[in-house]
Amino acid sequence: MTKFTTTIIPKMDDAEDEHCGILLSGSDDFEQKTNAASCGKSVKHGFYRKVMCIISFQFLFITTIATTFILFPGLKAVVQHWTWMLTLAFLFTISLLILTHFYHKRHPQNILLLFLWTICEAYTAGVFGSYFDTFVIAQVFFLMAIVTICLLIYTLFSKSNVKISLASKFAFIIILLFSCMLQLYLQLEVAELVIAFIAAFLFTVFIIYDLNALMYKLSPEEYVVASLALYLDIIYLFLLLFKRNNFVRK
């Protein structure tokens, strides 16, 4: 019969962090009993920082890949001709997703698997985007990048928990500001600007909502799982924007 012992982690900087200190340890495993939401401020902020840093890197990576496929006609022709690469990327995506599920608490295996999975997803999205006119998507990518950076800064320096309502208002103001700048300097059509504005705002709300929801389901060390779930939202919205852009252009 497996014997369990109770271990108390020393008190952290924040007084509320003591609620994360009760752990169960057995002969073969070590499992944290609580989730990130029930921890103190320093632990929750650390969870936010890790997730938002990973999301920022993933977003920058997918933007770079998609832009490269779009701007270089020779490369676009190659990736569109090599359909077997797209199939291979899809198979690798499924395989890496399964492996990440089993190694999500093991470092650095979880980071390596997440990085490889990000490459496969970025390649798939880039190939898909190479078939469409991407002027509106470029605008949305710009807004998304600004919002992601601002949310990262917000989570790094905020002294309180990230609330959905407060962070949504913050994101709305940021998007409105840069949308006005785009309209002022680029003279964009109103329909295109509205689409970019709405899509970027929804993207931000999805991230904020999922990040807060995952706080109540995952432990602080499961930040890779949270990043993966949020990145799926990014990919899903990315593909929807391509479809919407193609519809508007027609």
C-alpha atoms as a PDB file:
ATOM      1  CA  MET A   1       0.000   0.000   0.000  1.00  0.00           C
ATOM      2  CA  THR A   2       1.305   3.409  -1.003  1.00  0.00           C
ATOM      3  CA  LYS A   3       2.014   5.721   1.921  1.00  0.00           C
ATOM      4  CA  PHE A   4       1.347   9.420   1.566  1.00  0.00           C
ATOM      5  CA  THR A   5       3.105  12.052   3.590  1.00  0.00           C
ATOM      6  CA  THR A   6       2.230  15.693   3.968  1.00  0.00           C
ATOM      7  CA  THR A   7       4.936  18.208   3.101  1.00  0.00           C
ATOM      8  CA  ILE A   8       4.720  21.917   3.888  1.00  0.00           C
ATOM      9  CA  ILE A   9       6.507  24.278   1.524  1.00  0.00           C
ATOM     10  CA  PRO A  10       8.166  27.286   3.246  1.00  0.00           C
ATOM     11  CA  LYS A  11       6.217  30.475   3.150  1.00  0.00           C
ATOM     12  CA  MET A  12       6.826  32.607   0.057  1.00  0.00           C
ATOM     13  CA  ASP A  13       7.060  36.378  -0.340  1.00  0.00           C
ATOM     14  CA  ASP A  14       3.312  36.858  -0.544  1.00  0.00           C
ATOM     15  CA  ALA A  15       1.266  35.911   2.501  1.00  0.00           C
ATOM     16  CA  GLU A  16      -1.384  34.265   0.362  1.00  0.00           C
ATOM     17  CA  ASP A  17       1.160  31.879  -1.198  1.00  0.00           C
ATOM     18  CA  GLU A  18       0.910  29.608   1.827  1.00  0.00           C
ATOM     19  CA  HIS A  19      -2.328  28.216   0.346  1.00  0.00           C
ATOM     20  CA  CYS A  20      -0.173  26.563  -2.362  1.00  0.00           C
ATOM     21  CA  GLY A  21       2.005  24.855   0.207  1.00  0.00           C
ATOM     22  CA  ILE A  22       0.116  21.614   0.855  1.00  0.00           C
ATOM     23  CA  LEU A  23       1.398  18.850  -1.374  1.00  0.00           C
ATOM     24  CA  LEU A  24       0.930  15.116  -1.473  1.00  0.00           C
ATOM     25  CA  SER A  25       3.982  12.952  -1.983  1.00  0.00           C
ATOM     26  CA  GLY A  26       4.028   9.215  -2.552  1.00  0.00           C
ATOM     27  CA  SER A  27       6.644   6.638  -3.316  1.00  0.00           C
ATOM     28  CA  ASP A  28       6.472   7.127  -7.080  1.00  0.00           C
ATOM     29  CA  ASP A  29       4.878  10.501  -7.634  1.00  0.00           C
ATOM     30  CA  PHE A  30       4.698  14.057  -6.430  1.00  0.00           C
ATOM     31  CA  GLU A  31       1.423  15.806  -7.142  1.00  0.00           C
ATOM     32  CA  GLN A  32       0.354  19.330  -6.345  1.00  0.00           C
ATOM     33  CA  LYS A  33      -3.051  19.422  -4.773  1.00  0.00           C
ATOM     34  CA  THR A  34      -4.161  22.925  -5.702  1.00  0.00           C
ATOM     35  CA  ASN A  35      -4.610  24.959  -8.872  1.00  0.00           C
ATOM     36  CA  ALA A  36      -3.035  28.232  -9.918  1.00  0.00           C
ATOM     37  CA  ALA A  37      -6.113  30.296  -9.030  1.00  0.00           C
ATOM     38  CA  SER A  38      -5.974  29.268  -5.371  1.00  0.00           C
ATOM     39  CA  CYS A  39      -2.340  30.315  -5.020  1.00  0.00           C
ATOM     40  CA  GLY A  40      -0.982  33.631  -3.888  1.00  0.00           C
ATOM     41  CA  LYS A  41      -0.289  36.655  -6.056  1.00  0.00           C
ATOM     42  CA  SER A  42       3.362  35.897  -6.786  1.00  0.00           C
ATOM     43  CA  VAL A  43       2.558  32.365  -7.981  1.00  0.00           C
ATOM     44  CA  LYS A  44      -0.353  33.554 -10.132  1.00  0.00           C
ATOM     45  CA  HIS A  45       1.715  36.348 -11.633  1.00  0.00           C
ATOM     46  CA  GLY A  46       4.463  33.850 -12.393  1.00  0.00           C
ATOM     47  CA  PHE A  47       1.909  31.666 -14.169  1.00  0.00           C
ATOM     48  CA  TYR A  48       0.700  34.650 -16.194  1.00  0.00           C
ATOM     49  CA  ARG A  49       4.242  35.676 -17.121  1.00  0.00           C
ATOM     50  CA  LYS A  50       5.218  32.242 -18.404  1.00  0.00           C
ATOM     51  CA  VAL A  51       2.036  31.779 -20.428  1.00  0.00           C
ATOM     52  CA  MET A  52       2.088  35.246 -21.972  1.00  0.00           C
ATOM     53  CA  CYS A  53       5.803  35.028 -22.829  1.00  0.00           C
ATOM     54  CA  ILE A  54       5.234  31.699 -24.609  1.00  0.00           C
ATOM     55  CA  ILE A  55       2.155  33.043 -26.408  1.00  0.00           C
ATOM     56  CA  SER A  56       4.070  36.132 -27.530  1.00  0.00           C
ATOM     57  CA  PHE A  57       6.838  33.966 -28.974  1.00  0.00           C
ATOM     58  CA  GLN A  58       4.330  31.676 -30.704  1.00  0.00           C
ATOM     59  CA  PHE A  59       2.466  34.611 -32.184  1.00  0.00           C
ATOM     60  CA  LEU A  60       5.680  36.205 -33.437  1.00  0.00           C
ATOM     61  CA  PHE A  61       6.756  32.888 -34.946  1.00  0.00           C
ATOM     62  CA  ILE A  62       3.507  32.224 -36.826  1.00  0.00           C
ATOM     63  CA  THR A  63       3.486  35.818 -38.098  1.00  0.00           C
ATOM     64  CA  THR A  64       7.030  35.459 -39.406  1.00  0.00           C
ATOM     65  CA  ILE A  65       6.309  32.150 -41.171  1.00  0.00           C
ATOM     66  CA  ALA A  66       3.053  33.371 -42.733  1.00  0.00           C
ATOM     67  CA  THR A  67       4.631  36.639 -43.889  1.00  0.00           C
ATOM     68  CA  THR A  68       7.578  34.794 -45.432  1.00  0.00           C
ATOM     69  CA  PHE A  69       5.288  32.494 -47.409  1.00  0.00           C
ATOM     70  CA  ILE A  70       3.273  35.478 -48.639  1.00  0.00           C
ATOM     71  CA  LEU A  71       6.089  37.872 -49.587  1.00  0.00           C
ATOM     72  CA  PHE A  72       8.329  35.433 -51.466  1.00  0.00           C
ATOM     73  CA  PRO A  73       6.578  34.074 -54.603  1.00  0.00           C
ATOM     74  CA  GLY A  74       9.184  31.356 -55.145  1.00  0.00           C
ATOM     75  CA  LEU A  75       8.751  29.984 -51.640  1.00  0.00           C
ATOM     76  CA  LYS A  76       4.969  30.272 -51.949  1.00  0.00           C
ATOM     77  CA  ALA A  77       5.041  28.163 -55.124  1.00  0.00           C
ATOM     78  CA  VAL A  78       7.205  25.529 -53.441  1.00  0.00           C
ATOM     79  CA  VAL A  79       5.031  25.093 -50.337  1.00  0.00           C
ATOM     80  CA  GLN A  80       1.884  25.019 -52.451  1.00  0.00           C
ATOM     81  CA  HIS A  81       3.388  22.360 -54.727  1.00  0.00           C
ATOM     82  CA  TRP A  82       4.687  20.173 -51.898  1.00  0.00           C
ATOM     83  CA  THR A  83       1.320  19.042 -50.585  1.00  0.00           C
ATOM     84  CA  TRP A  84       2.948  16.058 -48.918  1.00  0.00           C
ATOM     85  CA  MET A  85       4.704  18.464 -46.535  1.00  0.00           C
ATOM     86  CA  LEU A  86       1.346  19.745 -45.357  1.00  0.00           C
ATOM     87  CA  THR A  87       0.189  16.180 -44.687  1.00  0.00           C
ATOM     88  CA  LEU A  88       3.415  15.439 -42.844  1.00  0.00           C
ATOM     89  CA  ALA A  89       3.035  18.594 -40.752  1.00  0.00           C
ATOM     90  CA  PHE A  90      -0.507  17.556 -39.827  1.00  0.00           C
ATOM     91  CA  LEU A  91       0.652  14.094 -38.714  1.00  0.00           C
ATOM     92  CA  PHE A  92       3.486  15.601 -36.685  1.00  0.00           C
ATOM     93  CA  THR A  93       1.029  18.041 -35.104  1.00  0.00           C
ATOM     94  CA  ILE A  94      -1.196  15.222 -33.848  1.00  0.00           C
ATOM     95  CA  SER A  95       1.768  13.162 -32.640  1.00  0.00           C
ATOM     96  CA  LEU A  96       3.386  16.080 -30.822  1.00  0.00           C
ATOM     97  CA  LEU A  97       0.063  17.033 -29.249  1.00  0.00           C
ATOM     98  CA  ILE A  98      -0.250  13.531 -27.780  1.00  0.00           C
ATOM     99  CA  LEU A  99       3.353  13.542 -26.540  1.00  0.00           C
ATOM    100  CA  THR A 100       2.886  16.960 -24.964  1.00  0.00           C
ATOM    101  CA  HIS A 101      -0.052  15.585 -22.990  1.00  0.00           C
ATOM    102  CA  PHE A 102       2.194  12.947 -21.400  1.00  0.00           C
ATOM    103  CA  TYR A 103       5.229  15.196 -20.852  1.00  0.00           C
ATOM    104  CA  HIS A 104       3.524  18.479 -19.970  1.00  0.00           C
ATOM    105  CA  LYS A 105       5.061  18.534 -16.457  1.00  0.00           C
ATOM    106  CA  ARG A 106       8.554  17.405 -17.474  1.00  0.00           C
ATOM    107  CA  HIS A 107      11.066  20.138 -18.211  1.00  0.00           C
ATOM    108  CA  PRO A 108      12.701  20.666 -20.721  1.00  0.00           C
ATOM    109  CA  GLN A 109      10.836  17.974 -22.684  1.00  0.00           C
ATOM    110  CA  ASN A 110       7.579  19.945 -22.500  1.00  0.00           C
ATOM    111  CA  ILE A 111       9.205  23.111 -23.884  1.00  0.00           C
ATOM    112  CA  LEU A 112      10.887  21.202 -26.720  1.00  0.00           C
ATOM    113  CA  LEU A 113       7.658  19.446 -27.708  1.00  0.00           C
ATOM    114  CA  LEU A 114       5.749  22.731 -27.559  1.00  0.00           C
ATOM    115  CA  PHE A 115       8.350  24.392 -29.790  1.00  0.00           C
ATOM    116  CA  LEU A 116       8.173  21.612 -32.391  1.00  0.00           C
ATOM    117  CA  TRP A 117       4.373  21.680 -32.276  1.00  0.00           C
ATOM    118  CA  THR A 118       4.450  25.458 -32.814  1.00  0.00           C
ATOM    119  CA  ILE A 119       6.623  24.998 -35.909  1.00  0.00           C
ATOM    120  CA  CYS A 120       4.173  22.498 -37.418  1.00  0.00           C
ATOM    121  CA  GLU A 121       1.165  24.698 -36.698  1.00  0.00           C
ATOM    122  CA  ALA A 122       2.892  27.799 -38.068  1.00  0.00           C
ATOM    123  CA  TYR A 123       3.815  25.950 -41.267  1.00  0.00           C
ATOM    124  CA  THR A 124       0.228  24.726 -41.724  1.00  0.00           C
ATOM    125  CA  ALA A 125      -1.227  28.203 -41.163  1.00  0.00           C
ATOM    126  CA  GLY A 126       1.395  29.752 -43.441  1.00  0.00           C
ATOM    127  CA  VAL A 127       0.601  27.366 -46.314  1.00  0.00           C
ATOM    128  CA  PHE A 128      -3.113  27.963 -45.860  1.00  0.00           C
ATOM    129  CA  GLY A 129      -2.621  31.733 -45.850  1.00  0.00           C
ATOM    130  CA  SER A 130      -0.491  31.677 -49.024  1.00  0.00           C
ATOM    131  CA  TYR A 131      -3.644  30.967 -51.068  1.00  0.00           C
ATOM    132  CA  PHE A 132      -5.433  34.165 -49.995  1.00  0.00           C
ATOM    133  CA  ASP A 133      -5.165  37.911 -50.318  1.00  0.00           C
ATOM    134  CA  THR A 134      -3.835  38.974 -46.954  1.00  0.00           C
ATOM    135  CA  PHE A 135      -4.020  42.773 -46.780  1.00  0.00           C
ATOM    136  CA  VAL A 136      -6.678  42.802 -44.065  1.00  0.00           C
ATOM    137  CA  ILE A 137      -4.887  39.986 -42.240  1.00  0.00           C
ATOM    138  CA  ALA A 138      -1.709  42.062 -42.165  1.00  0.00           C
ATOM    139  CA  GLN A 139      -3.628  44.831 -40.423  1.00  0.00           C
ATOM    140  CA  VAL A 140      -5.102  42.384 -37.918  1.00  0.00           C
ATOM    141  CA  PHE A 141      -1.699  40.847 -37.270  1.00  0.00           C
ATOM    142  CA  PHE A 142      -0.346  44.284 -36.467  1.00  0.00           C
ATOM    143  CA  LEU A 143      -3.158  44.955 -34.000  1.00  0.00           C
ATOM    144  CA  MET A 144      -2.840  41.475 -32.479  1.00  0.00           C
ATOM    145  CA  ALA A 145       0.892  41.921 -31.982  1.00  0.00           C
ATOM    146  CA  ILE A 146       0.385  45.269 -30.247  1.00  0.00           C
ATOM    147  CA  VAL A 147      -2.323  43.849 -27.982  1.00  0.00           C
ATOM    148  CA  THR A 148      -0.278  40.743 -27.116  1.00  0.00           C
ATOM    149  CA  ILE A 149       2.696  42.888 -26.136  1.00  0.00           C
ATOM    150  CA  CYS A 150       0.483  45.216 -24.084  1.00  0.00           C
ATOM    151  CA  LEU A 151      -1.174  42.287 -22.305  1.00  0.00           C
ATOM    152  CA  LEU A 152       2.252  40.858 -21.545  1.00  0.00           C
ATOM    153  CA  ILE A 153       3.353  44.162 -20.031  1.00  0.00           C
ATOM    154  CA  TYR A 154       0.049  44.389 -18.143  1.00  0.00           C
ATOM    155  CA  THR A 155       0.504  40.948 -16.582  1.00  0.00           C
ATOM    156  CA  LEU A 156       4.134  41.653 -15.707  1.00  0.00           C
ATOM    157  CA  PHE A 157       3.500  44.906 -13.839  1.00  0.00           C
ATOM    158  CA  SER A 158      -0.079  44.598 -12.628  1.00  0.00           C
ATOM    159  CA  LYS A 159      -0.356  44.388  -8.829  1.00  0.00           C
ATOM    160  CA  SER A 160      -3.778  42.720  -8.962  1.00  0.00           C
ATOM    161  CA  ASN A 161      -5.173  39.651 -10.662  1.00  0.00           C
ATOM    162  CA  VAL A 162      -6.054  39.989 -14.330  1.00  0.00           C
ATOM    163  CA  LYS A 163      -9.813  40.408 -14.454  1.00  0.00           C
ATOM    164  CA  ILE A 164     -11.737  39.741 -17.651  1.00  0.00           C
ATOM    165  CA  SER A 165     -13.659  43.016 -17.533  1.00  0.00           C
ATOM    166  CA  LEU A 166     -10.688  45.228 -16.665  1.00  0.00           C
ATOM    167  CA  ALA A 167      -8.301  43.600 -19.127  1.00  0.00           C
ATOM    168  CA  SER A 168     -10.945  43.697 -21.873  1.00  0.00           C
ATOM    169  CA  LYS A 169     -11.362  47.430 -21.390  1.00  0.00           C
ATOM    170  CA  PHE A 170      -7.598  47.832 -21.464  1.00  0.00           C
ATOM    171  CA  ALA A 171      -7.378  45.827 -24.703  1.00  0.00           C
ATOM    172  CA  PHE A 172     -10.286  47.778 -26.217  1.00  0.00           C
ATOM    173  CA  ILE A 173      -8.516  51.084 -25.606  1.00  0.00           C
ATOM    174  CA  ILE A 174      -5.239  49.816 -27.071  1.00  0.00           C
ATOM    175  CA  ILE A 175      -6.933  48.445 -30.190  1.00  0.00           C
ATOM    176  CA  LEU A 176      -8.952  51.641 -30.656  1.00  0.00           C
ATOM    177  CA  LEU A 177      -5.809  53.764 -30.413  1.00  0.00           C
ATOM    178  CA  PHE A 178      -3.854  51.811 -33.003  1.00  0.00           C
ATOM    179  CA  SER A 179      -6.884  51.415 -35.272  1.00  0.00           C
ATOM    180  CA  CYS A 180      -7.159  55.200 -35.405  1.00  0.00           C
ATOM    181  CA  MET A 181      -3.461  55.419 -36.210  1.00  0.00           C
ATOM    182  CA  LEU A 182      -3.885  52.934 -39.052  1.00  0.00           C
ATOM    183  CA  GLN A 183      -6.811  54.891 -40.422  1.00  0.00           C
ATOM    184  CA  LEU A 184      -4.907  58.174 -40.146  1.00  0.00           C
ATOM    185  CA  TYR A 185      -1.707  57.117 -41.896  1.00  0.00           C
ATOM    186  CA  LEU A 186      -2.837  54.332 -44.253  1.00  0.00           C
ATOM    187  CA  GLN A 187      -6.298  55.638 -45.208  1.00  0.00           C
ATOM    188  CA  LEU A 188      -7.892  52.206 -44.891  1.00  0.00           C
ATOM    189  CA  GLU A 189     -11.417  51.511 -46.015  1.00  0.00           C
ATOM    190  CA  VAL A 190     -13.950  51.509 -43.194  1.00  0.00           C
ATOM    191  CA  ALA A 191     -15.084  47.919 -43.774  1.00  0.00           C
ATOM    192  CA  GLU A 192     -11.538  46.596 -43.599  1.00  0.00           C
ATOM    193  CA  LEU A 193     -10.773  48.579 -40.476  1.00  0.00           C
ATOM    194  CA  VAL A 194     -13.944  47.351 -38.751  1.00  0.00           C
ATOM    195  CA  ILE A 195     -13.091  43.733 -39.531  1.00  0.00           C
ATOM    196  CA  ALA A 196      -9.544  44.166 -38.235  1.00  0.00           C
ATOM    197  CA  PHE A 197     -10.818  45.909 -35.120  1.00  0.00           C
ATOM    198  CA  ILE A 198     -13.444  43.285 -34.241  1.00  0.00           C
ATOM    199  CA  ALA A 199     -11.150  40.336 -34.961  1.00  0.00           C
ATOM    200  CA  ALA A 200      -8.310  41.735 -32.855  1.00  0.00           C
ATOM    201  CA  PHE A 201     -10.655  42.489 -29.968  1.00  0.00           C
ATOM    202  CA  LEU A 202     -12.148  38.975 -30.069  1.00  0.00           C
ATOM    203  CA  PHE A 203      -8.658  37.539 -30.159  1.00  0.00           C
ATOM    204  CA  THR A 204      -7.799  39.436 -26.992  1.00  0.00           C
ATOM    205  CA  VAL A 205     -11.008  38.469 -25.195  1.00  0.00           C
ATOM    206  CA  PHE A 206     -10.406  34.801 -26.044  1.00  0.00           C
ATOM    207  CA  ILE A 207      -6.932  34.925 -24.548  1.00  0.00           C
ATOM    208  CA  ILE A 208      -8.071  36.714 -21.390  1.00  0.00           C
ATOM    209  CA  TYR A 209     -11.072  34.435 -20.878  1.00  0.00           C
ATOM    210  CA  ASP A 210      -9.145  31.216 -21.474  1.00  0.00           C
ATOM    211  CA  LEU A 211      -6.235  32.324 -19.331  1.00  0.00           C
ATOM    212  CA  ASN A 212      -8.549  33.043 -16.397  1.00  0.00           C
ATOM    213  CA  ALA A 213     -10.499  29.797 -16.949  1.00  0.00           C
ATOM    214  CA  LEU A 214      -7.329  27.714 -17.095  1.00  0.00           C
ATOM    215  CA  MET A 215      -6.196  29.225 -13.807  1.00  0.00           C
ATOM    216  CA  TYR A 216      -8.920  27.190 -12.076  1.00  0.00           C
ATOM    217  CA  LYS A 217      -8.110  23.938 -13.901  1.00  0.00           C
ATOM    218  CA  LEU A 218      -4.324  23.783 -13.994  1.00  0.00           C
ATOM    219  CA  SER A 219      -1.541  23.891 -11.446  1.00  0.00           C
ATOM    220  CA  PRO A 220       1.139  26.615 -11.694  1.00  0.00           C
ATOM    221  CA  GLU A 221       3.592  24.165 -13.285  1.00  0.00           C
ATOM    222  CA  GLU A 222       1.195  23.328 -16.135  1.00  0.00           C
ATOM    223  CA  TYR A 223       1.832  26.574 -18.010  1.00  0.00           C
ATOM    224  CA  VAL A 224       2.714  24.621 -21.171  1.00  0.00           C
ATOM    225  CA  VAL A 225      -0.801  23.177 -21.329  1.00  0.00           C
ATOM    226  CA  ALA A 226      -2.277  26.655 -20.887  1.00  0.00           C
ATOM    227  CA  SER A 227      -0.065  28.063 -23.640  1.00  0.00           C
ATOM    228  CA  LEU A 228      -1.041  25.246 -25.978  1.00  0.00           C
ATOM    229  CA  ALA A 229      -4.763  25.838 -25.386  1.00  0.00           C
ATOM    230  CA  LEU A 230      -4.417  29.571 -25.989  1.00  0.00           C
ATOM    231  CA  TYR A 231      -2.352  29.025 -29.127  1.00  0.00           C
ATOM    232  CA  LEU A 232      -5.144  26.846 -30.535  1.00  0.00           C
ATOM    233  CA  ASP A 233      -7.436  29.870 -30.167  1.00  0.00           C
ATOM    234  CA  ILE A 234      -4.928  31.945 -32.125  1.00  0.00           C
ATOM    235  CA  ILE A 235      -4.737  29.385 -34.935  1.00  0.00           C
ATOM    236  CA  TYR A 236      -8.521  29.059 -35.086  1.00  0.00           C
ATOM    237  CA  LEU A 237      -9.023  32.814 -35.339  1.00  0.00           C
ATOM    238  CA  PHE A 238      -6.134  33.025 -37.824  1.00  0.00           C
ATOM    239  CA  LEU A 239      -7.925  30.649 -40.215  1.00  0.00           C
ATOM    240  CA  LEU A 240     -11.269  32.404 -39.743  1.00  0.00           C
ATOM    241  CA  LEU A 241      -9.678  35.729 -40.653  1.00  0.00           C
ATOM    242  CA  PHE A 242      -8.375  34.320 -43.907  1.00  0.00           C
ATOM    243  CA  LYS A 243     -11.870  33.132 -44.830  1.00  0.00           C
ATOM    244  CA  ARG A 244     -13.406  36.481 -43.877  1.00  0.00           C
ATOM    245  CA  ASN A 245     -10.749  38.387 -45.826  1.00  0.00           C
ATOM    246  CA  ASN A 246     -11.369  36.306 -48.944  1.00  0.00           C
ATOM    247  CA  PHE A 247     -15.121  36.938 -48.646  1.00  0.00           C
ATOM    248  CA  VAL A 248     -14.679  40.717 -48.303  1.00  0.00           C
ATOM    249  CA  ARG A 249     -12.274  40.917 -51.243  1.00  0.00           C
ATOM    250  CA  LYS A 250     -14.739  39.070 -53.468  1.00  0.00           C
END
